[in-house]
Amino acid sequence: MQAAIWAYPWDLLDEGVETVADRLGEMGVTEVNLATNYHSVQTFLPHNPERRTFFAHASSYFQPGDGYDGITPVPNETMGEDDWLERIVEEIADTHLTLNSWTVGCHNSRLGMKRPDLTLESPHGDSLVFGLCPSNPAVQSYLTNLVEDLDARAPFERIELETFDYFYGTGFGWHHDKYHTRLGTLGEFLFGLCFCDHCRSNAADAGIDVERARETCRTTVDGLAEGNLDPERSVEEWLDGHPTVADYVDVRTDTLADMFRTLGDAVTDAELGYYVGFVGADRSWMHGADLEALADSVDFYTVMAYESSREAAVEQYQTALKLSGDVPVHAGVLPGHPSVYDSQTTREIVDGLAEAGAPRLSFYNYGLLPEHNLTWIENALETYPN
């Protein structure tokens, strides 16, 4: 079983790539999933020798090439004219580590604020600036250019895609969300269901009564906000009773499958992976992702098994495996707050996923975990030599 770890470029450079490589070698980790294009973030860094926190707008950690048409990643301000990816590629080459690109796509509030015409649009007509809409041809072109650029510029073993979809199945994704209405999963999903020009056009072409779908979503969100509807009602049950909206939702899976075929063709030198399970592997459809429909375009999925017990982590993995269309499924593990608080549980989760057949585990996240949590990973991996 292979072992990887997610990491931010500032942690590798602040601590020293060789130093990090030595520590990961002790832990039994052989791969780094490096954040190359990432959403806005504040990180708390318990063992970073230079800082305890790092703030960043949605940024790239490389200097973009010339192949972009219209939308271009914005290099991180702290990086300045430097190219952190280039530096890390050079320094990691002399270590035992394999480098992968951890690439965030549509979750980009910087680009969304600058170009609201590219974003998801709520049923009420609001620009949801935290998420670019993958139905928009300009966004599709941006995402394709991004993975082509990354594939060409560095010897990545894998390019791993996060939020190359309709976000997390919710209309909330800003950094300081404020709402004191009980919308429930149903209301949050419907509020985040995109009705931009491109989504509406795609649905209309499929013969769907778009305005009826939109009005149904609006009145349901408003009814939930006013306390007139049950916020605990399941999304699936509600959609069964509202087939026009259900059909509208289904159109997104076709759009995403088409886009992933283009992404798959764009990557020639690396394996292409896609992260699933942020709201549960069985609800990937809420992101617009039909895992079986994407199967011909990706080389693997990584399911976020960020659970607090062996049983729950294995259940997430097995669910993803059933939906994957025979694509290999890797697993992500969070051996720290708010999921896991001891070494024994970390070991049980790792053992459970290994016994379930996971060929590769990725641990979240090198710079965010305290040193003793890194030791938990080391202890859990000691029976799985690479």
Protein backbone atom coordinates (compact mmCIF):
# COMPACT_ATOMS: atom_id res chain seq x y z
CA MET A 1 0.00 0.00 0.00
CA GLN A 2 1.34 3.40 -1.02
CA ALA A 3 1.27 6.39 1.32
CA ALA A 4 1.07 10.07 0.39
CA ILE A 5 0.53 13.30 2.31
CA TRP A 6 -1.03 16.59 1.33
CA ALA A 7 1.20 19.61 1.83
CA TYR A 8 1.38 23.35 1.19
CA PRO A 9 4.38 24.83 -0.60
CA TRP A 10 5.16 27.24 2.24
CA ASP A 11 5.59 24.36 4.69
CA LEU A 12 8.08 22.57 2.46
CA LEU A 13 10.06 25.73 1.76
CA ASP A 14 9.97 27.10 5.33
CA GLU A 15 11.11 23.81 6.82
CA GLY A 16 13.34 22.82 3.91
CA VAL A 17 12.41 20.24 1.28
CA GLU A 18 15.20 17.89 2.30
CA THR A 19 14.22 18.12 5.98
CA VAL A 20 10.59 17.37 5.16
CA ALA A 21 11.64 14.48 2.92
CA ASP A 22 13.68 12.97 5.76
CA ARG A 23 10.74 13.24 8.16
CA LEU A 24 8.33 11.71 5.65
CA GLY A 25 10.79 8.90 5.01
CA GLU A 26 10.75 8.08 8.72
CA MET A 27 6.94 8.02 8.56
CA GLY A 28 6.80 5.66 5.58
CA VAL A 29 5.38 8.30 3.22
CA THR A 30 6.71 8.34 -0.36
CA GLU A 31 4.46 10.87 -2.13
CA VAL A 32 3.60 14.54 -1.64
CA ASN A 33 0.32 15.95 -2.94
CA LEU A 34 1.45 19.56 -3.34
CA ALA A 35 -1.03 22.45 -3.43
CA THR A 36 -0.31 24.09 -6.77
CA ASN A 37 -3.53 26.06 -7.37
CA TYR A 38 -5.57 26.59 -4.23
CA HIS A 39 -8.54 28.38 -2.71
CA SER A 40 -8.38 31.21 -0.16
CA VAL A 41 -7.16 29.97 3.18
CA GLN A 42 -5.77 30.69 6.63
CA THR A 43 -3.70 27.83 7.96
CA PHE A 44 -2.47 27.20 11.51
CA LEU A 45 0.97 25.61 11.35
CA PRO A 46 2.00 23.96 14.63
CA HIS A 47 5.53 22.89 13.66
CA ASN A 48 6.49 25.43 10.99
CA PRO A 49 9.83 27.03 11.98
CA GLU A 50 9.05 30.41 10.36
CA ARG A 51 5.40 31.16 11.18
CA ARG A 52 2.31 29.90 12.97
CA THR A 53 -0.22 31.04 10.37
CA PHE A 54 -0.38 31.77 6.67
CA PHE A 55 -3.06 33.78 4.86
CA ALA A 56 -3.66 33.53 1.13
CA HIS A 57 -6.22 34.58 -1.43
CA ALA A 58 -7.10 31.95 -4.03
CA SER A 59 -3.76 31.61 -5.79
CA SER A 60 -1.42 29.64 -7.96
CA TYR A 61 1.98 28.72 -6.53
CA PHE A 62 3.65 28.86 -9.91
CA GLN A 63 3.98 31.53 -12.59
CA PRO A 64 1.33 30.67 -15.21
CA GLY A 65 2.43 29.96 -18.77
CA ASP A 66 1.22 31.67 -21.93
CA GLY A 67 -1.42 29.14 -22.91
CA TYR A 68 -4.38 30.65 -21.07
CA ASP A 69 -7.26 32.20 -22.98
CA GLY A 70 -9.14 34.85 -21.00
CA ILE A 71 -8.92 33.47 -17.44
CA THR A 72 -5.50 33.07 -15.86
CA PRO A 73 -4.52 31.83 -12.39
CA VAL A 74 -3.30 34.63 -10.12
CA PRO A 75 0.12 33.93 -8.52
CA ASN A 76 0.22 34.24 -4.76
CA GLU A 77 1.34 37.66 -3.49
CA THR A 78 3.70 36.27 -0.87
CA MET A 79 5.49 34.32 -3.58
CA GLY A 80 6.02 37.53 -5.59
CA GLU A 81 8.05 36.94 -8.74
CA ASP A 82 9.34 33.64 -7.39
CA ASP A 83 7.99 30.29 -8.56
CA TRP A 84 7.55 28.03 -5.56
CA LEU A 85 6.57 25.01 -7.65
CA GLU A 86 9.73 25.32 -9.73
CA ARG A 87 11.88 25.51 -6.60
CA ILE A 88 10.21 22.49 -5.02
CA VAL A 89 10.50 20.44 -8.22
CA GLU A 90 14.24 21.13 -8.31
CA GLU A 91 14.82 20.32 -4.64
CA ILE A 92 12.57 17.29 -4.37
CA ALA A 93 14.31 15.58 -7.30
CA ASP A 94 17.19 14.55 -5.00
CA THR A 95 14.89 12.93 -2.43
CA HIS A 96 12.90 9.70 -2.32
CA LEU A 97 9.61 11.58 -2.75
CA THR A 98 7.27 11.46 -5.73
CA LEU A 99 5.51 14.75 -6.46
CA ASN A 100 1.80 15.08 -7.27
CA SER A 101 -0.22 18.20 -8.09
CA TRP A 102 -3.13 18.94 -5.75
CA THR A 103 -5.17 21.27 -7.94
CA VAL A 104 -8.28 23.22 -6.91
CA GLY A 105 -10.48 24.20 -9.84
CA CYS A 106 -13.84 25.95 -9.44
CA HIS A 107 -13.54 27.01 -5.80
CA ASN A 108 -11.89 30.37 -6.46
CA SER A 109 -13.35 33.43 -4.75
CA ARG A 110 -10.65 35.71 -6.15
CA LEU A 111 -11.63 34.96 -9.74
CA GLY A 112 -15.32 34.86 -8.80
CA MET A 113 -15.22 38.35 -7.28
CA LYS A 114 -13.39 39.66 -10.33
CA ARG A 115 -15.63 37.87 -12.84
CA PRO A 116 -19.13 37.27 -11.40
CA ASP A 117 -20.26 36.33 -14.92
CA LEU A 118 -18.27 33.09 -14.48
CA THR A 119 -19.82 32.02 -11.20
CA LEU A 120 -22.60 29.80 -10.00
CA GLU A 121 -25.90 31.68 -9.85
CA SER A 122 -28.48 30.89 -7.18
CA PRO A 123 -32.17 30.39 -8.10
CA HIS A 124 -32.69 33.92 -6.79
CA GLY A 125 -30.14 35.36 -9.22
CA ASP A 126 -27.25 35.81 -6.75
CA SER A 127 -23.68 35.38 -7.96
CA LEU A 128 -22.11 32.76 -5.68
CA VAL A 129 -18.61 34.13 -6.04
CA PHE A 130 -16.85 31.29 -4.23
CA GLY A 131 -17.58 28.91 -7.12
CA LEU A 132 -16.94 29.13 -10.85
CA CYS A 133 -19.55 27.30 -12.90
CA PRO A 134 -18.23 24.38 -14.98
CA SER A 135 -21.14 24.78 -17.42
CA ASN A 136 -19.53 28.02 -18.60
CA PRO A 137 -17.31 27.42 -21.66
CA ALA A 138 -14.83 30.03 -20.44
CA VAL A 139 -14.49 28.16 -17.14
CA GLN A 140 -14.09 24.86 -18.95
CA SER A 141 -11.32 26.40 -21.05
CA TYR A 142 -9.63 27.76 -17.91
CA LEU A 143 -9.69 24.38 -16.18
CA THR A 144 -8.35 22.61 -19.26
CA ASN A 145 -5.56 25.16 -19.69
CA LEU A 146 -4.71 24.83 -16.00
CA VAL A 147 -4.20 21.07 -16.08
CA GLU A 148 -2.34 21.30 -19.41
CA ASP A 149 0.00 23.90 -17.90
CA LEU A 150 0.66 21.78 -14.81
CA ASP A 151 1.15 18.62 -16.84
CA ALA A 152 3.71 20.34 -19.05
CA ARG A 153 5.68 22.21 -16.42
CA ALA A 154 6.55 19.55 -13.84
CA PRO A 155 7.21 15.80 -13.69
CA PHE A 156 4.09 15.03 -11.67
CA GLU A 157 3.21 11.40 -11.12
CA ARG A 158 -0.42 12.39 -10.59
CA ILE A 159 -2.60 15.46 -11.08
CA GLU A 160 -5.38 15.36 -8.49
CA LEU A 161 -8.49 17.48 -9.03
CA GLU A 162 -10.52 19.14 -6.28
CA THR A 163 -13.76 21.05 -7.02
CA PHE A 164 -13.63 20.54 -10.76
CA ASP A 165 -17.41 20.41 -10.36
CA TYR A 166 -20.44 22.30 -9.03
CA PHE A 167 -18.83 22.83 -5.63
CA TYR A 168 -19.87 21.00 -2.47
CA GLY A 169 -23.62 20.66 -3.06
CA THR A 170 -24.39 23.83 -1.12
CA GLY A 171 -24.94 27.51 -1.81
CA PHE A 172 -22.51 28.47 0.94
CA GLY A 173 -18.74 28.48 0.56
CA TRP A 174 -17.49 31.92 1.56
CA HIS A 175 -14.94 32.27 4.33
CA HIS A 176 -17.29 33.92 6.82
CA ASP A 177 -20.71 32.53 6.01
CA LYS A 178 -23.45 34.21 8.05
CA TYR A 179 -26.94 32.77 8.12
CA HIS A 180 -29.34 32.16 10.99
CA THR A 181 -32.04 30.35 9.07
CA ARG A 182 -32.50 26.61 9.25
CA LEU A 183 -32.33 25.63 5.61
CA GLY A 184 -31.12 22.07 6.16
CA THR A 185 -29.25 20.08 3.56
CA LEU A 186 -32.17 20.47 1.16
CA GLY A 187 -32.28 24.27 1.35
CA GLU A 188 -28.53 24.64 1.11
CA PHE A 189 -28.41 22.36 -1.93
CA LEU A 190 -31.24 24.14 -3.74
CA PHE A 191 -29.77 27.57 -2.97
CA GLY A 192 -26.50 26.42 -4.55
CA LEU A 193 -28.14 24.87 -7.64
CA CYS A 194 -26.81 26.96 -10.50
CA PHE A 195 -29.17 28.82 -12.82
CA CYS A 196 -26.59 30.78 -14.79
CA ASP A 197 -27.21 31.37 -18.50
CA HIS A 198 -25.21 28.30 -19.48
CA CYS A 199 -26.86 25.91 -17.02
CA ARG A 200 -30.30 27.16 -18.08
CA SER A 201 -29.44 26.83 -21.76
CA ASN A 202 -28.18 23.26 -21.30
CA ALA A 203 -31.36 22.32 -19.46
CA ALA A 204 -33.61 23.99 -22.02
CA ASP A 205 -31.84 22.07 -24.79
CA ALA A 206 -32.71 18.90 -22.88
CA GLY A 207 -36.40 19.84 -22.98
CA ILE A 208 -36.70 20.94 -19.34
CA ASP A 209 -39.05 23.71 -18.19
CA VAL A 210 -36.26 25.83 -16.72
CA GLU A 211 -38.41 28.60 -15.26
CA ARG A 212 -40.63 26.09 -13.51
CA ALA A 213 -37.54 24.42 -12.00
CA ARG A 214 -36.13 27.76 -10.92
CA GLU A 215 -39.37 28.98 -9.35
CA THR A 216 -39.78 25.68 -7.51
CA CYS A 217 -36.29 26.04 -6.04
CA ARG A 218 -36.91 29.67 -5.06
CA THR A 219 -40.19 29.00 -3.30
CA THR A 220 -38.78 25.96 -1.51
CA VAL A 221 -35.70 27.84 -0.23
CA ASP A 222 -37.92 30.72 0.91
CA GLY A 223 -40.39 28.34 2.53
CA LEU A 224 -37.59 26.64 4.45
CA ALA A 225 -36.19 30.01 5.52
CA GLU A 226 -39.60 31.04 6.87
CA GLY A 227 -40.03 27.77 8.74
CA ASN A 228 -42.97 26.64 6.63
CA LEU A 229 -41.28 23.48 5.33
CA ASP A 230 -39.43 20.64 7.02
CA PRO A 231 -35.65 21.32 6.92
CA GLU A 232 -34.96 17.67 7.75
CA ARG A 233 -36.55 16.37 4.56
CA SER A 234 -34.00 14.49 2.47
CA VAL A 235 -32.84 15.95 -0.81
CA GLU A 236 -33.48 12.67 -2.62
CA GLU A 237 -37.06 12.40 -1.30
CA TRP A 238 -37.80 16.00 -2.26
CA LEU A 239 -36.43 15.52 -5.78
CA ASP A 240 -38.60 12.42 -6.23
CA GLY A 241 -41.60 14.68 -5.73
CA HIS A 242 -40.29 17.44 -8.00
CA PRO A 243 -39.25 15.72 -11.26
CA THR A 244 -38.65 18.97 -13.17
CA VAL A 245 -35.93 19.98 -10.71
CA ALA A 246 -34.62 16.40 -10.64
CA ASP A 247 -34.24 16.47 -14.42
CA TYR A 248 -32.54 19.86 -14.19
CA VAL A 249 -30.05 18.43 -11.68
CA ASP A 250 -29.34 15.46 -13.94
CA VAL A 251 -28.27 17.67 -16.84
CA ARG A 252 -25.24 18.77 -14.85
CA THR A 253 -23.86 15.23 -14.78
CA ASP A 254 -23.78 15.15 -18.58
CA THR A 255 -22.05 18.54 -18.70
CA LEU A 256 -19.41 17.44 -16.19
CA ALA A 257 -18.82 14.13 -18.00
CA ASP A 258 -18.17 16.03 -21.24
CA MET A 259 -15.74 18.38 -19.50
CA PHE A 260 -13.85 15.51 -17.87
CA ARG A 261 -13.35 13.88 -21.25
CA THR A 262 -11.59 17.07 -22.33
CA LEU A 263 -9.53 17.14 -19.13
CA GLY A 264 -8.55 13.51 -19.61
CA ASP A 265 -7.30 14.27 -23.11
CA ALA A 266 -5.37 17.30 -21.83
CA VAL A 267 -3.23 15.30 -19.40
CA THR A 268 -0.62 13.17 -21.15
CA ASP A 269 2.28 12.79 -18.72
CA ALA A 270 0.54 12.09 -15.41
CA GLU A 271 -2.28 10.02 -13.96
CA LEU A 272 -5.48 12.02 -13.46
CA GLY A 273 -7.43 11.70 -10.22
CA TYR A 274 -10.58 13.29 -8.81
CA TYR A 275 -11.52 13.87 -5.16
CA VAL A 276 -14.96 12.61 -4.10
CA GLY A 277 -16.94 12.25 -0.91
CA PHE A 278 -16.80 15.72 0.64
CA VAL A 279 -20.50 15.33 1.50
CA GLY A 280 -20.41 11.54 1.38
CA ALA A 281 -19.43 9.32 -1.51
CA ASP A 282 -23.07 8.41 -2.14
CA ARG A 283 -23.84 12.09 -2.71
CA SER A 284 -21.27 12.82 -5.40
CA TRP A 285 -24.26 13.62 -7.62
CA MET A 286 -24.75 16.77 -5.53
CA HIS A 287 -21.50 18.02 -7.06
CA GLY A 288 -22.77 17.05 -10.52
CA ALA A 289 -20.51 14.00 -10.58
CA ASP A 290 -21.68 10.59 -11.80
CA LEU A 291 -18.60 8.52 -10.96
CA GLU A 292 -19.45 5.82 -13.45
CA ALA A 293 -19.88 8.43 -16.21
CA LEU A 294 -16.47 9.93 -15.39
CA ALA A 295 -14.75 6.55 -15.28
CA ASP A 296 -13.32 6.67 -18.80
CA SER A 297 -11.71 10.07 -18.15
CA VAL A 298 -9.83 9.51 -14.89
CA ASP A 299 -7.26 7.02 -13.66
CA PHE A 300 -8.40 6.96 -10.03
CA TYR A 301 -10.67 8.52 -7.43
CA THR A 302 -9.67 9.57 -3.94
CA VAL A 303 -12.53 9.32 -1.48
CA MET A 304 -12.37 11.62 1.55
CA ALA A 305 -12.68 9.07 4.35
CA TYR A 306 -12.28 11.76 7.01
CA GLU A 307 -14.02 9.69 9.63
CA SER A 308 -13.60 9.03 13.35
CA SER A 309 -13.74 5.23 13.27
CA ARG A 310 -12.52 2.30 11.22
CA GLU A 311 -16.09 1.28 10.41
CA ALA A 312 -17.13 4.68 9.07
CA ALA A 313 -13.95 5.11 7.00
CA VAL A 314 -14.31 1.66 5.45
CA GLU A 315 -17.98 2.33 4.70
CA GLN A 316 -17.06 5.51 2.80
CA TYR A 317 -14.41 3.61 0.87
CA GLN A 318 -16.70 0.73 -0.02
CA THR A 319 -19.46 3.10 -1.11
CA ALA A 320 -17.07 4.91 -3.45
CA LEU A 321 -15.86 1.57 -4.78
CA LYS A 322 -19.42 0.52 -5.69
CA LEU A 323 -19.98 3.79 -7.56
CA SER A 324 -16.60 4.06 -9.25
CA GLY A 325 -17.24 2.21 -12.48
CA ASP A 326 -14.19 -0.04 -11.96
CA VAL A 327 -11.85 2.95 -11.53
CA PRO A 328 -9.35 2.36 -8.69
CA VAL A 329 -10.30 4.13 -5.48
CA HIS A 330 -7.71 5.63 -3.14
CA ALA A 331 -8.58 7.06 0.27
CA GLY A 332 -7.89 10.24 2.19
CA VAL A 333 -7.48 10.13 5.98
CA LEU A 334 -7.53 12.99 8.51
CA PRO A 335 -5.61 11.77 11.58
CA GLY A 336 -6.34 14.88 13.64
CA HIS A 337 -8.96 17.38 14.78
CA PRO A 338 -11.92 17.20 14.28
CA SER A 339 -11.88 13.54 13.24
CA VAL A 340 -9.25 11.57 15.17
CA TYR A 341 -7.63 12.22 18.54
CA ASP A 342 -5.35 9.26 19.22
CA SER A 343 -2.80 6.93 17.67
CA GLN A 344 -4.89 3.79 18.12
CA THR A 345 -7.81 5.12 16.08
CA THR A 346 -5.41 6.24 13.34
CA ARG A 347 -3.97 2.73 13.17
CA GLU A 348 -7.44 1.14 13.12
CA ILE A 349 -8.56 3.36 10.23
CA VAL A 350 -5.40 2.65 8.23
CA ASP A 351 -5.69 -1.09 8.88
CA GLY A 352 -9.35 -1.08 7.92
CA LEU A 353 -8.76 0.72 4.64
CA ALA A 354 -5.79 -1.51 3.83
CA GLU A 355 -7.84 -4.64 4.47
CA ALA A 356 -10.67 -3.20 2.35
CA GLY A 357 -8.23 -3.05 -0.57
CA ALA A 358 -7.25 0.62 -0.76
CA PRO A 359 -4.04 0.69 -2.83
CA ARG A 360 -3.02 4.13 -1.60
CA LEU A 361 -3.75 6.41 1.34
CA SER A 362 -3.22 10.17 1.51
CA PHE A 363 -2.99 11.88 4.88
CA TYR A 364 -4.23 15.40 5.54
CA ASN A 365 -2.06 17.54 6.03
CA TYR A 366 1.69 17.75 6.74
CA GLY A 367 1.83 21.38 7.84
CA LEU A 368 -1.50 21.38 9.70
CA LEU A 369 -0.87 18.34 11.90
CA PRO A 370 1.08 18.62 15.16
CA GLU A 371 4.24 16.55 15.39
CA HIS A 372 2.62 13.90 17.59
CA ASN A 373 -0.08 13.37 14.94
CA LEU A 374 2.65 12.77 12.37
CA THR A 375 3.96 10.10 14.72
CA TRP A 376 0.51 8.50 14.69
CA ILE A 377 0.85 8.15 10.91
CA GLU A 378 4.34 6.69 11.32
CA ASN A 379 3.05 4.13 13.82
CA ALA A 380 0.08 3.21 11.61
CA LEU A 381 2.26 2.69 8.54
CA GLU A 382 5.00 0.63 10.16
CA THR A 383 3.40 -2.64 9.04
CA TYR A 384 3.03 -1.41 5.46
CA PRO A 385 6.56 -0.87 4.15
CA ASN A 386 6.78 0.82 0.74
